[in-house]
C-alpha cells in the first residue's frame, strides 16, 4: 500500500472532504480504484463503494471443501465396516457350521478331514454303529495296505487297490456310536506302492456325525 497515498487521504479527510470526493479526485489523477479503496479503508476502517467483496461462490468454497471431506471420510468408513463385517461374518458362520457339523448331507457324513497328504482328501467316510468306512480317490499306481488303524476300531490289513480305482478301507469292531453322535477318527496307514515297492506311511483325521 502506497504510504504517500494513505497520508494524502488522511489529510484530506481531516480537512473535511468526504471519502467519495477524495476517491473521485484520485481516480481522476490516474490512481487505480482498488488502490484508492484500500487506502481509504485503511484510514477510515469503513469499506467504500466499489471495494472488492468476496463473491458468494468464494464464501461457499470452504464449506464445500469441508462437506466433500466429510463425504470421503464417510465412504471410507462404510467400506472398512463392510469389509470387517464380511470377514468376521464369514468366520462366525464357518465356526457355527463346524460346531453343528452341517456338511455334506449325503449319508450323514462330514467331509472335514486333515492330513492324508499322499492320498488326497477322502471322497467319503461313514461311521455307523461299530463300523467305519472310508474311501480315497483313485490311485495312480497299485497299493497294498500293510496295516491300517483307526481310533477305537479293529485294525485292517491286506487291502490291495489296483491303479485307477478308489481305495476303500473298512474298519469293524469300532466303539459303538448312536446316530447323530459326533466322531473324530485318527487313522494311521502303512502301504506299499507297487511302482517302487517302498513301504510308506499316511496319517489323517476324519470328523463327522454317525449315521
N, C-alpha and C. Protein backbone atom coordinates (compact mmCIF):
# COMPACT_ATOMS: atom_id res chain seq x y z
N UNK A 1 0.86 -1.19 0.00
CA UNK A 1 0.00 0.00 0.00
C UNK A 1 0.90 1.25 0.00
N UNK A 2 0.54 2.20 -0.88
CA UNK A 2 1.35 3.41 -1.02
C UNK A 2 1.18 4.32 0.20
N UNK A 3 2.31 4.58 0.90
CA UNK A 3 2.25 5.37 2.13
C UNK A 3 1.85 6.82 1.84
N UNK A 4 2.34 7.33 0.73
CA UNK A 4 2.03 8.71 0.35
C UNK A 4 0.54 8.88 0.10
N UNK A 5 -0.04 7.87 -0.55
CA UNK A 5 -1.48 7.90 -0.83
C UNK A 5 -2.28 7.89 0.46
N UNK A 6 -1.86 7.04 1.40
CA UNK A 6 -2.56 6.97 2.69
C UNK A 6 -2.47 8.31 3.43
N UNK A 7 -1.29 8.89 3.45
CA UNK A 7 -1.13 10.18 4.15
C UNK A 7 -1.98 11.27 3.51
N UNK A 8 -2.03 11.23 2.18
CA UNK A 8 -2.84 12.24 1.47
C UNK A 8 -4.32 12.09 1.84
N UNK A 9 -4.81 10.85 1.82
CA UNK A 9 -6.22 10.63 2.14
C UNK A 9 -6.52 11.06 3.56
N UNK A 10 -5.63 10.75 4.51
CA UNK A 10 -5.84 11.13 5.90
C UNK A 10 -5.93 12.65 6.03
N UNK A 11 -5.05 13.35 5.31
CA UNK A 11 -5.04 14.82 5.37
C UNK A 11 -6.32 15.40 4.79
N UNK A 12 -6.77 14.83 3.69
CA UNK A 12 -8.00 15.31 3.05
C UNK A 12 -9.22 15.05 3.92
N UNK A 13 -9.24 13.90 4.58
CA UNK A 13 -10.36 13.60 5.48
C UNK A 13 -10.37 14.57 6.66
N UNK A 14 -9.19 14.88 7.17
CA UNK A 14 -9.09 15.83 8.29
C UNK A 14 -9.53 17.23 7.86
N UNK A 15 -9.39 17.46 6.55
CA UNK A 15 -9.78 18.77 6.03
C UNK A 15 -11.28 18.85 5.77
N UNK A 16 -11.98 17.72 5.97
CA UNK A 16 -13.42 17.75 5.87
C UNK A 16 -13.98 17.20 4.58
N UNK A 17 -13.12 16.73 3.71
CA UNK A 17 -13.61 16.16 2.47
C UNK A 17 -14.12 14.72 2.71
N UNK A 18 -15.13 14.34 1.94
CA UNK A 18 -15.72 13.00 2.09
C UNK A 18 -14.87 11.96 1.35
N UNK A 19 -14.95 10.72 1.77
CA UNK A 19 -14.21 9.66 1.08
C UNK A 19 -14.57 9.57 -0.40
N UNK A 20 -15.85 9.78 -0.74
CA UNK A 20 -16.25 9.69 -2.13
C UNK A 20 -15.60 10.78 -2.97
N UNK A 21 -15.53 11.98 -2.40
CA UNK A 21 -14.91 13.09 -3.13
C UNK A 21 -13.42 12.84 -3.32
N UNK A 22 -12.78 12.36 -2.26
CA UNK A 22 -11.34 12.07 -2.35
C UNK A 22 -11.09 10.98 -3.39
N UNK A 23 -11.92 9.99 -3.38
CA UNK A 23 -11.76 8.89 -4.34
C UNK A 23 -11.90 9.38 -5.76
N UNK A 24 -12.90 10.25 -6.00
CA UNK A 24 -13.14 10.75 -7.35
C UNK A 24 -11.95 11.56 -7.84
N UNK A 25 -11.37 12.33 -6.97
CA UNK A 25 -10.22 13.17 -7.35
C UNK A 25 -9.01 12.28 -7.67
N UNK A 26 -8.76 11.30 -6.82
CA UNK A 26 -7.59 10.45 -7.01
C UNK A 26 -7.70 9.61 -8.28
N UNK A 27 -8.88 9.10 -8.54
CA UNK A 27 -9.07 8.33 -9.77
C UNK A 27 -8.85 9.23 -10.98
N UNK A 28 -9.33 10.49 -10.86
CA UNK A 28 -9.11 11.45 -11.94
C UNK A 28 -7.63 11.75 -12.16
N UNK A 29 -6.83 11.59 -11.11
CA UNK A 29 -5.39 11.83 -11.22
C UNK A 29 -4.64 10.59 -11.73
N UNK A 30 -5.37 9.50 -11.96
CA UNK A 30 -4.72 8.32 -12.53
C UNK A 30 -4.50 7.17 -11.55
N UNK A 31 -4.94 7.32 -10.30
CA UNK A 31 -4.78 6.21 -9.35
C UNK A 31 -5.81 5.12 -9.66
N UNK A 32 -5.40 3.88 -9.38
CA UNK A 32 -6.33 2.77 -9.59
C UNK A 32 -7.38 2.75 -8.50
N UNK A 33 -8.59 2.42 -8.89
CA UNK A 33 -9.71 2.46 -7.95
C UNK A 33 -9.49 1.50 -6.77
N UNK A 34 -8.96 0.29 -7.05
CA UNK A 34 -8.75 -0.67 -5.96
C UNK A 34 -7.72 -0.17 -4.96
N UNK A 35 -6.66 0.54 -5.46
CA UNK A 35 -5.63 1.09 -4.56
C UNK A 35 -6.22 2.19 -3.70
N UNK A 36 -7.07 3.00 -4.33
CA UNK A 36 -7.71 4.11 -3.60
C UNK A 36 -8.63 3.55 -2.53
N UNK A 37 -9.47 2.55 -2.91
CA UNK A 37 -10.39 1.95 -1.93
C UNK A 37 -9.64 1.34 -0.76
N UNK A 38 -8.57 0.66 -1.06
CA UNK A 38 -7.80 0.01 0.00
C UNK A 38 -7.19 1.04 0.94
N UNK A 39 -6.68 2.12 0.37
CA UNK A 39 -6.08 3.16 1.20
C UNK A 39 -7.12 3.84 2.08
N UNK A 40 -8.29 4.18 1.47
CA UNK A 40 -9.36 4.82 2.24
C UNK A 40 -9.82 3.89 3.37
N UNK A 41 -9.96 2.60 3.07
CA UNK A 41 -10.40 1.64 4.09
C UNK A 41 -9.41 1.57 5.24
N UNK A 42 -8.13 1.65 4.92
CA UNK A 42 -7.10 1.56 5.97
C UNK A 42 -7.15 2.77 6.89
N UNK A 43 -7.59 3.90 6.34
CA UNK A 43 -7.66 5.13 7.15
C UNK A 43 -8.97 5.21 7.93
N UNK A 44 -10.07 4.92 7.24
CA UNK A 44 -11.39 5.10 7.87
C UNK A 44 -11.89 3.85 8.58
N UNK A 45 -11.41 2.66 8.13
CA UNK A 45 -11.91 1.42 8.72
C UNK A 45 -13.28 1.07 8.19
N UNK A 46 -13.77 1.81 7.16
CA UNK A 46 -15.07 1.55 6.57
C UNK A 46 -14.87 1.24 5.10
N UNK A 47 -15.48 0.14 4.63
CA UNK A 47 -15.31 -0.24 3.23
C UNK A 47 -16.10 0.70 2.34
N UNK A 48 -15.42 1.20 1.32
CA UNK A 48 -16.06 2.15 0.41
C UNK A 48 -16.74 1.43 -0.72
N UNK A 49 -17.64 2.13 -1.38
CA UNK A 49 -18.33 1.54 -2.52
C UNK A 49 -17.34 1.21 -3.61
N UNK A 50 -17.50 0.12 -4.24
CA UNK A 50 -16.60 -0.29 -5.31
C UNK A 50 -15.50 -1.18 -4.83
N UNK A 51 -15.30 -1.30 -3.50
CA UNK A 51 -14.26 -2.19 -2.98
C UNK A 51 -14.65 -3.63 -3.27
N UNK A 52 -13.62 -4.44 -3.55
CA UNK A 52 -13.87 -5.83 -3.91
C UNK A 52 -14.46 -6.59 -2.74
N UNK A 53 -15.56 -7.21 -2.94
CA UNK A 53 -16.19 -8.04 -1.93
C UNK A 53 -16.14 -9.49 -2.36
N UNK A 54 -15.92 -10.39 -1.41
CA UNK A 54 -15.87 -11.81 -1.77
C UNK A 54 -17.21 -12.24 -2.35
N UNK A 55 -17.15 -12.97 -3.46
CA UNK A 55 -18.37 -13.47 -4.08
C UNK A 55 -19.00 -14.56 -3.23
N UNK A 56 -20.25 -14.83 -3.50
CA UNK A 56 -20.96 -15.88 -2.76
C UNK A 56 -20.29 -17.24 -3.00
N UNK A 57 -19.81 -17.40 -4.23
CA UNK A 57 -19.14 -18.66 -4.56
C UNK A 57 -17.87 -18.84 -3.74
N UNK A 58 -17.10 -17.73 -3.60
CA UNK A 58 -15.86 -17.79 -2.81
C UNK A 58 -16.16 -18.04 -1.34
N UNK A 59 -17.26 -17.47 -0.85
CA UNK A 59 -17.64 -17.68 0.55
C UNK A 59 -18.05 -19.13 0.80
N UNK A 60 -18.64 -19.75 -0.24
CA UNK A 60 -19.12 -21.12 -0.07
C UNK A 60 -18.03 -22.17 -0.28
N UNK A 61 -16.89 -21.78 -0.86
CA UNK A 61 -15.83 -22.75 -1.14
C UNK A 61 -15.35 -23.50 0.09
N UNK A 62 -15.03 -22.81 1.22
CA UNK A 62 -14.58 -23.56 2.41
C UNK A 62 -15.61 -24.56 2.91
N UNK A 63 -16.89 -24.16 2.88
CA UNK A 63 -17.95 -25.06 3.33
C UNK A 63 -18.05 -26.28 2.42
N UNK A 64 -17.91 -26.04 1.09
CA UNK A 64 -17.98 -27.15 0.15
C UNK A 64 -16.82 -28.11 0.36
N UNK A 65 -15.62 -27.55 0.63
CA UNK A 65 -14.45 -28.39 0.86
C UNK A 65 -14.64 -29.26 2.10
N UNK A 66 -15.18 -28.63 3.17
CA UNK A 66 -15.41 -29.40 4.40
C UNK A 66 -16.46 -30.49 4.16
N UNK A 67 -17.50 -30.17 3.40
CA UNK A 67 -18.54 -31.15 3.12
C UNK A 67 -17.99 -32.31 2.30
N UNK A 68 -17.16 -32.00 1.29
CA UNK A 68 -16.57 -33.04 0.44
C UNK A 68 -15.66 -33.94 1.25
N UNK A 69 -14.90 -33.35 2.17
CA UNK A 69 -14.00 -34.13 3.03
C UNK A 69 -14.79 -35.08 3.92
N UNK A 70 -15.90 -34.60 4.46
CA UNK A 70 -16.74 -35.44 5.31
C UNK A 70 -17.32 -36.61 4.52
N UNK A 71 -17.73 -36.35 3.27
CA UNK A 71 -18.30 -37.41 2.44
C UNK A 71 -17.26 -38.49 2.16
N UNK A 72 -16.02 -38.07 1.85
CA UNK A 72 -14.94 -39.03 1.57
C UNK A 72 -14.66 -39.88 2.80
N UNK A 73 -14.59 -39.24 3.97
CA UNK A 73 -14.34 -39.98 5.22
C UNK A 73 -15.47 -40.97 5.48
N UNK A 74 -16.72 -40.54 5.23
CA UNK A 74 -17.87 -41.42 5.45
C UNK A 74 -17.82 -42.63 4.52
N UNK A 75 -17.46 -42.42 3.25
CA UNK A 75 -17.37 -43.53 2.29
C UNK A 75 -16.30 -44.52 2.71
N UNK A 76 -15.14 -44.00 3.13
CA UNK A 76 -14.05 -44.89 3.59
C UNK A 76 -14.49 -45.69 4.80
N UNK A 77 -15.18 -45.04 5.74
CA UNK A 77 -15.64 -45.73 6.94
C UNK A 77 -16.63 -46.84 6.59
N UNK A 78 -17.53 -46.57 5.64
CA UNK A 78 -18.51 -47.58 5.22
C UNK A 78 -17.82 -48.77 4.59
N UNK A 79 -16.81 -48.51 3.75
CA UNK A 79 -16.08 -49.59 3.10
C UNK A 79 -15.37 -50.46 4.13
N UNK A 80 -14.70 -49.81 5.10
CA UNK A 80 -13.98 -50.56 6.15
C UNK A 80 -14.94 -51.41 6.96
N UNK A 81 -16.08 -50.82 7.37
CA UNK A 81 -17.05 -51.56 8.17
C UNK A 81 -17.61 -52.74 7.38
N UNK A 82 -17.91 -52.52 6.09
CA UNK A 82 -18.45 -53.61 5.26
C UNK A 82 -17.43 -54.74 5.14
N UNK A 83 -16.16 -54.39 4.99
CA UNK A 83 -15.11 -55.42 4.87
C UNK A 83 -15.00 -56.22 6.17
N UNK A 84 -15.01 -55.52 7.29
CA UNK A 84 -14.90 -56.21 8.58
C UNK A 84 -16.10 -57.12 8.81
N UNK A 85 -17.29 -56.64 8.46
CA UNK A 85 -18.49 -57.47 8.61
C UNK A 85 -18.40 -58.72 7.74
N UNK A 86 -17.87 -58.56 6.52
CA UNK A 86 -17.74 -59.70 5.62
C UNK A 86 -16.77 -60.73 6.18
N UNK A 87 -15.60 -60.25 6.64
CA UNK A 87 -14.58 -61.16 7.16
C UNK A 87 -15.06 -61.88 8.41
N UNK A 88 -15.52 -61.10 9.40
CA UNK A 88 -15.93 -61.71 10.66
C UNK A 88 -17.23 -62.49 10.51
N UNK A 89 -18.11 -62.02 9.61
CA UNK A 89 -19.34 -62.77 9.37
C UNK A 89 -19.06 -64.14 8.80
N UNK A 90 -18.14 -64.20 7.83
CA UNK A 90 -17.76 -65.48 7.23
C UNK A 90 -17.13 -66.39 8.27
N UNK A 91 -16.28 -65.82 9.11
CA UNK A 91 -15.62 -66.61 10.15
C UNK A 91 -16.63 -67.18 11.14
N UNK A 92 -17.57 -66.34 11.56
CA UNK A 92 -18.58 -66.78 12.53
C UNK A 92 -19.44 -67.90 11.95
N UNK A 93 -19.86 -67.72 10.68
CA UNK A 93 -20.68 -68.75 10.03
C UNK A 93 -19.91 -70.06 9.91
N UNK A 94 -18.62 -69.97 9.57
CA UNK A 94 -17.80 -71.17 9.44
C UNK A 94 -17.69 -71.91 10.78
N UNK A 95 -17.50 -71.14 11.85
CA UNK A 95 -17.39 -71.76 13.18
C UNK A 95 -18.70 -72.44 13.56
N UNK A 96 -19.82 -71.75 13.29
CA UNK A 96 -21.13 -72.34 13.63
C UNK A 96 -21.36 -73.62 12.85
N UNK A 97 -21.05 -73.59 11.55
CA UNK A 97 -21.25 -74.79 10.73
C UNK A 97 -20.35 -75.93 11.20
N UNK A 98 -19.12 -75.56 11.59
CA UNK A 98 -18.22 -76.61 12.07
C UNK A 98 -18.76 -77.24 13.35
N UNK A 99 -19.24 -76.38 14.25
CA UNK A 99 -19.75 -76.89 15.52
C UNK A 99 -20.99 -77.76 15.31
N UNK A 100 -21.82 -77.38 14.36
CA UNK A 100 -23.04 -78.14 14.12
C UNK A 100 -22.83 -79.31 13.16
N UNK A 101 -21.63 -79.36 12.54
CA UNK A 101 -21.31 -80.41 11.57
C UNK A 101 -22.32 -80.41 10.41
N UNK A 102 -22.68 -79.20 9.94
CA UNK A 102 -23.65 -79.13 8.85
C UNK A 102 -22.90 -79.16 7.52
N UNK A 103 -22.38 -80.35 7.16
CA UNK A 103 -21.62 -80.51 5.93
C UNK A 103 -22.11 -81.75 5.19
N UNK A 104 -21.95 -81.72 3.91
CA UNK A 104 -22.17 -82.86 3.05
C UNK A 104 -23.29 -83.77 3.54
N UNK A 105 -24.53 -83.48 3.23
CA UNK A 105 -25.65 -84.24 3.76
C UNK A 105 -25.70 -85.70 3.31
N UNK A 106 -25.03 -86.04 2.19
CA UNK A 106 -25.09 -87.42 1.70
C UNK A 106 -24.62 -88.42 2.74
N UNK A 107 -25.48 -89.34 3.16
CA UNK A 107 -25.10 -90.38 4.11
C UNK A 107 -24.84 -89.87 5.51
N UNK A 108 -25.06 -88.59 5.75
CA UNK A 108 -24.82 -88.05 7.09
C UNK A 108 -23.35 -87.89 7.41
N UNK A 109 -22.50 -87.99 6.39
CA UNK A 109 -21.07 -87.87 6.65
C UNK A 109 -20.64 -86.42 6.57
N UNK A 110 -19.48 -86.14 7.10
CA UNK A 110 -18.94 -84.79 7.09
C UNK A 110 -17.57 -84.81 6.45
N UNK A 111 -17.39 -84.06 5.40
CA UNK A 111 -16.12 -84.05 4.69
C UNK A 111 -15.14 -83.07 5.32
N UNK A 112 -14.97 -83.16 6.61
CA UNK A 112 -14.00 -82.34 7.32
C UNK A 112 -12.87 -83.26 7.74
N UNK A 113 -11.74 -83.12 7.06
CA UNK A 113 -10.63 -84.01 7.35
C UNK A 113 -9.31 -83.25 7.26
N UNK A 114 -8.30 -83.79 7.91
CA UNK A 114 -6.96 -83.21 7.86
C UNK A 114 -5.96 -84.33 7.60
N UNK A 115 -4.83 -83.94 7.08
CA UNK A 115 -3.81 -84.93 6.80
C UNK A 115 -4.04 -85.60 5.46
N UNK A 116 -3.64 -86.88 5.33
CA UNK A 116 -3.79 -87.65 4.09
C UNK A 116 -3.15 -86.94 2.89
N UNK A 117 -1.98 -86.34 3.11
CA UNK A 117 -1.36 -85.56 2.04
C UNK A 117 -0.99 -86.42 0.84
N UNK A 118 -0.65 -87.68 1.06
CA UNK A 118 -0.26 -88.54 -0.05
C UNK A 118 -1.44 -89.15 -0.77
N UNK A 119 -2.57 -89.31 -0.11
CA UNK A 119 -3.75 -89.93 -0.70
C UNK A 119 -4.67 -88.91 -1.36
N UNK A 120 -4.64 -87.70 -0.89
CA UNK A 120 -5.66 -86.73 -1.29
C UNK A 120 -6.82 -86.81 -0.31
N UNK A 121 -7.66 -85.81 -0.29
CA UNK A 121 -8.77 -85.77 0.65
C UNK A 121 -9.73 -86.95 0.41
N UNK A 122 -10.23 -87.54 1.49
CA UNK A 122 -11.18 -88.65 1.34
C UNK A 122 -12.40 -88.24 0.52
N UNK A 123 -12.87 -89.17 -0.31
CA UNK A 123 -14.08 -88.91 -1.08
C UNK A 123 -15.32 -89.03 -0.20
N UNK A 124 -15.25 -89.94 0.75
CA UNK A 124 -16.41 -90.17 1.61
C UNK A 124 -15.96 -91.01 2.80
N UNK A 125 -16.66 -90.87 3.90
CA UNK A 125 -16.45 -91.76 5.03
C UNK A 125 -17.71 -91.78 5.89
N UNK A 126 -17.98 -92.93 6.45
CA UNK A 126 -19.22 -93.14 7.20
C UNK A 126 -18.93 -93.95 8.45
N UNK A 127 -19.49 -93.49 9.56
CA UNK A 127 -19.39 -94.21 10.84
C UNK A 127 -20.81 -94.64 11.19
N UNK A 128 -21.03 -95.93 11.23
CA UNK A 128 -22.36 -96.44 11.53
C UNK A 128 -22.25 -97.57 12.54
N UNK A 129 -22.82 -97.35 13.72
CA UNK A 129 -22.76 -98.37 14.77
C UNK A 129 -21.33 -98.66 15.18
N UNK A 130 -20.82 -99.88 14.82
CA UNK A 130 -19.45 -100.26 15.16
C UNK A 130 -18.60 -100.41 13.90
N UNK A 131 -19.02 -99.74 12.83
CA UNK A 131 -18.33 -99.91 11.55
C UNK A 131 -17.94 -98.52 11.00
N UNK A 132 -16.69 -98.43 10.56
CA UNK A 132 -16.21 -97.17 9.98
C UNK A 132 -15.64 -97.46 8.59
N UNK A 133 -16.13 -96.77 7.57
CA UNK A 133 -15.68 -96.97 6.21
C UNK A 133 -15.18 -95.65 5.64
N UNK A 134 -14.08 -95.72 4.91
CA UNK A 134 -13.51 -94.50 4.32
C UNK A 134 -13.02 -94.84 2.91
N UNK A 135 -13.24 -93.90 1.99
CA UNK A 135 -12.87 -94.10 0.59
C UNK A 135 -11.97 -92.96 0.13
N UNK A 136 -10.85 -93.33 -0.50
CA UNK A 136 -9.91 -92.34 -1.02
C UNK A 136 -9.98 -92.30 -2.55
N UNK A 137 -9.49 -91.19 -3.15
CA UNK A 137 -9.55 -91.05 -4.61
C UNK A 137 -8.76 -92.15 -5.32
N UNK A 138 -9.00 -92.33 -6.63
CA UNK A 138 -8.28 -93.35 -7.39
C UNK A 138 -6.77 -93.16 -7.30
N UNK A 139 -6.04 -94.27 -7.28
CA UNK A 139 -4.58 -94.22 -7.16
C UNK A 139 -3.94 -94.36 -8.53
N UNK A 140 -2.80 -93.71 -8.70
CA UNK A 140 -2.09 -93.79 -9.98
C UNK A 140 -1.41 -95.14 -10.15
N UNK A 141 -0.86 -95.65 -9.04
CA UNK A 141 -0.21 -96.96 -9.05
C UNK A 141 -0.90 -97.85 -8.03
N UNK A 142 -0.85 -99.13 -8.23
CA UNK A 142 -1.46 -100.04 -7.28
C UNK A 142 -0.85 -99.90 -5.90
N UNK A 143 -1.68 -100.15 -4.89
CA UNK A 143 -1.22 -100.06 -3.50
C UNK A 143 -1.73 -101.26 -2.73
N UNK A 144 -0.90 -101.69 -1.79
CA UNK A 144 -1.32 -102.74 -0.87
C UNK A 144 -1.15 -102.22 0.54
N UNK A 145 -2.26 -102.17 1.28
CA UNK A 145 -2.22 -101.69 2.66
C UNK A 145 -1.65 -102.78 3.55
N UNK A 146 -0.57 -102.48 4.23
CA UNK A 146 0.03 -103.43 5.16
C UNK A 146 -0.70 -103.41 6.49
N UNK A 147 -0.84 -102.23 7.04
CA UNK A 147 -1.59 -102.07 8.30
C UNK A 147 -2.38 -100.77 8.22
N UNK A 148 -3.55 -100.78 8.85
CA UNK A 148 -4.36 -99.57 8.93
C UNK A 148 -5.09 -99.58 10.26
N UNK A 149 -4.90 -98.52 11.02
CA UNK A 149 -5.56 -98.43 12.32
C UNK A 149 -6.42 -97.18 12.37
N UNK A 150 -7.56 -97.30 13.05
CA UNK A 150 -8.46 -96.17 13.27
C UNK A 150 -8.84 -96.19 14.74
N UNK A 151 -8.88 -95.03 15.36
CA UNK A 151 -9.17 -94.94 16.79
C UNK A 151 -10.41 -95.74 17.17
N UNK A 152 -10.28 -96.63 18.14
CA UNK A 152 -11.42 -97.36 18.67
C UNK A 152 -11.92 -98.49 17.80
N UNK A 153 -11.17 -98.83 16.70
CA UNK A 153 -11.62 -99.88 15.79
C UNK A 153 -10.56 -100.99 15.70
N UNK A 154 -11.00 -102.16 15.22
CA UNK A 154 -10.04 -103.23 14.93
C UNK A 154 -9.21 -102.82 13.71
N UNK A 155 -7.92 -103.16 13.68
CA UNK A 155 -7.09 -102.81 12.53
C UNK A 155 -7.50 -103.56 11.28
N UNK A 156 -7.17 -102.96 10.14
CA UNK A 156 -7.42 -103.59 8.85
C UNK A 156 -6.07 -103.81 8.16
N UNK A 157 -5.97 -104.81 7.29
CA UNK A 157 -4.71 -105.07 6.61
C UNK A 157 -4.97 -105.90 5.35
N UNK A 158 -3.94 -105.99 4.49
CA UNK A 158 -4.02 -106.82 3.31
C UNK A 158 -4.97 -106.32 2.25
N UNK A 159 -5.29 -105.03 2.23
CA UNK A 159 -6.20 -104.48 1.24
C UNK A 159 -5.39 -104.02 0.03
N UNK A 160 -5.65 -104.57 -1.13
CA UNK A 160 -4.95 -104.17 -2.35
C UNK A 160 -5.88 -103.37 -3.25
N UNK A 161 -5.35 -102.26 -3.76
CA UNK A 161 -6.13 -101.40 -4.66
C UNK A 161 -5.40 -101.28 -5.99
N UNK A 162 -5.98 -101.75 -7.08
CA UNK A 162 -5.37 -101.62 -8.40
C UNK A 162 -5.29 -100.15 -8.83
N UNK A 163 -4.38 -99.85 -9.74
CA UNK A 163 -4.24 -98.49 -10.25
C UNK A 163 -5.54 -98.04 -10.91
N UNK A 164 -5.91 -96.78 -10.67
CA UNK A 164 -7.09 -96.20 -11.29
C UNK A 164 -8.38 -96.43 -10.54
N UNK A 165 -8.35 -97.13 -9.40
CA UNK A 165 -9.57 -97.39 -8.64
C UNK A 165 -9.53 -96.68 -7.29
N UNK A 166 -10.74 -96.42 -6.75
CA UNK A 166 -10.82 -95.85 -5.41
C UNK A 166 -10.22 -96.83 -4.41
N UNK A 167 -9.58 -96.28 -3.37
CA UNK A 167 -9.07 -97.12 -2.31
C UNK A 167 -10.07 -97.10 -1.15
N UNK A 168 -10.62 -98.24 -0.80
CA UNK A 168 -11.64 -98.33 0.24
C UNK A 168 -11.10 -99.12 1.42
N UNK A 169 -11.30 -98.58 2.62
CA UNK A 169 -10.90 -99.26 3.84
C UNK A 169 -12.12 -99.39 4.74
N UNK A 170 -12.28 -100.55 5.31
CA UNK A 170 -13.40 -100.81 6.22
C UNK A 170 -12.85 -101.29 7.56
N UNK A 171 -13.28 -100.61 8.63
CA UNK A 171 -12.87 -100.98 9.98
C UNK A 171 -14.09 -101.48 10.73
N UNK A 172 -13.96 -102.60 11.41
CA UNK A 172 -15.05 -103.15 12.21
C UNK A 172 -14.63 -103.17 13.68
N UNK A 173 -15.57 -103.57 14.53
CA UNK A 173 -15.27 -103.63 15.96
C UNK A 173 -15.00 -102.27 16.58
N UNK A 174 -15.54 -101.22 15.97
CA UNK A 174 -15.31 -99.85 16.47
C UNK A 174 -16.19 -99.58 17.69
N UNK A 175 -15.83 -98.56 18.42
CA UNK A 175 -16.67 -98.14 19.55
C UNK A 175 -18.06 -97.79 19.03
N UNK A 176 -19.07 -98.35 19.63
CA UNK A 176 -20.44 -98.15 19.14
C UNK A 176 -20.88 -96.69 19.31
N UNK A 177 -21.41 -96.15 18.21
CA UNK A 177 -21.94 -94.79 18.24
C UNK A 177 -23.39 -94.82 17.79
N UNK A 178 -24.19 -93.98 18.42
CA UNK A 178 -25.59 -93.85 18.01
C UNK A 178 -25.68 -92.83 16.88
N UNK A 179 -26.73 -92.93 16.11
CA UNK A 179 -26.94 -91.99 15.02
C UNK A 179 -27.00 -90.56 15.55
N UNK A 180 -26.28 -89.66 14.91
CA UNK A 180 -26.26 -88.26 15.33
C UNK A 180 -25.09 -87.90 16.20
N UNK A 181 -24.39 -88.91 16.74
CA UNK A 181 -23.23 -88.62 17.59
C UNK A 181 -22.05 -88.17 16.72
N UNK A 182 -21.31 -87.22 17.25
CA UNK A 182 -20.13 -86.75 16.54
C UNK A 182 -18.96 -87.70 16.78
N UNK A 183 -18.06 -87.73 15.80
CA UNK A 183 -16.87 -88.55 15.97
C UNK A 183 -15.66 -87.85 15.36
N UNK A 184 -14.50 -88.24 15.83
CA UNK A 184 -13.24 -87.78 15.28
C UNK A 184 -12.30 -88.99 15.28
N UNK A 185 -12.03 -89.53 14.11
CA UNK A 185 -11.26 -90.75 13.98
C UNK A 185 -9.89 -90.44 13.40
N UNK A 186 -8.85 -90.80 14.14
CA UNK A 186 -7.48 -90.64 13.65
C UNK A 186 -7.03 -91.95 13.01
N UNK A 187 -6.53 -91.86 11.77
CA UNK A 187 -6.10 -93.05 11.05
C UNK A 187 -4.60 -93.03 10.80
N UNK A 188 -4.01 -94.23 10.87
CA UNK A 188 -2.61 -94.41 10.51
C UNK A 188 -2.53 -95.60 9.56
N UNK A 189 -1.96 -95.35 8.39
CA UNK A 189 -1.95 -96.36 7.35
C UNK A 189 -0.52 -96.56 6.83
N UNK A 190 -0.08 -97.80 6.76
CA UNK A 190 1.17 -98.12 6.09
C UNK A 190 0.83 -98.94 4.86
N UNK A 191 1.49 -98.65 3.74
CA UNK A 191 1.15 -99.32 2.49
C UNK A 191 2.38 -99.41 1.60
N UNK A 192 2.27 -100.25 0.60
CA UNK A 192 3.35 -100.43 -0.38
C UNK A 192 2.87 -99.95 -1.74
N UNK A 193 3.67 -99.10 -2.37
CA UNK A 193 3.36 -98.66 -3.74
C UNK A 193 3.98 -99.65 -4.71
N UNK A 194 3.19 -100.18 -5.61
CA UNK A 194 3.65 -101.24 -6.50
C UNK A 194 4.66 -100.75 -7.53
N UNK A 195 4.69 -99.44 -7.82
CA UNK A 195 5.64 -98.95 -8.82
C UNK A 195 7.07 -98.92 -8.28
N UNK A 196 7.21 -98.75 -6.97
CA UNK A 196 8.57 -98.66 -6.39
C UNK A 196 8.82 -99.76 -5.35
N UNK A 197 7.74 -100.32 -4.80
CA UNK A 197 7.90 -101.36 -3.79
C UNK A 197 8.27 -100.83 -2.42
N UNK A 198 8.20 -99.53 -2.24
CA UNK A 198 8.55 -98.95 -0.95
C UNK A 198 7.34 -98.98 -0.02
N UNK A 199 7.65 -99.15 1.26
CA UNK A 199 6.59 -99.07 2.27
C UNK A 199 6.54 -97.62 2.75
N UNK A 200 5.34 -97.08 2.77
CA UNK A 200 5.17 -95.68 3.12
C UNK A 200 4.09 -95.55 4.19
N UNK A 201 4.00 -94.37 4.78
CA UNK A 201 3.01 -94.14 5.83
C UNK A 201 2.14 -92.94 5.52
N UNK A 202 0.95 -92.96 6.06
CA UNK A 202 0.00 -91.87 5.84
C UNK A 202 -0.84 -91.71 7.10
N UNK A 203 -1.08 -90.48 7.52
CA UNK A 203 -1.91 -90.23 8.70
C UNK A 203 -2.92 -89.15 8.39
N UNK A 204 -4.00 -89.14 9.13
CA UNK A 204 -5.01 -88.11 8.97
C UNK A 204 -6.13 -88.29 9.96
N UNK A 205 -7.04 -87.33 9.97
CA UNK A 205 -8.17 -87.37 10.90
C UNK A 205 -9.45 -87.08 10.13
N UNK A 206 -10.49 -87.85 10.42
CA UNK A 206 -11.80 -87.64 9.80
C UNK A 206 -12.81 -87.31 10.89
N UNK A 207 -13.57 -86.25 10.68
CA UNK A 207 -14.58 -85.82 11.64
C UNK A 207 -15.96 -85.86 11.00
N UNK A 208 -16.95 -86.26 11.74
CA UNK A 208 -18.29 -86.30 11.17
C UNK A 208 -19.35 -86.63 12.20
N UNK A 209 -20.50 -87.04 11.69
CA UNK A 209 -21.64 -87.41 12.53
C UNK A 209 -22.05 -88.83 12.16
N UNK A 210 -22.18 -89.67 13.16
CA UNK A 210 -22.53 -91.07 12.90
C UNK A 210 -23.94 -91.17 12.32
N UNK A 211 -24.13 -92.17 11.45
CA UNK A 211 -25.45 -92.37 10.83
C UNK A 211 -26.14 -93.57 11.44
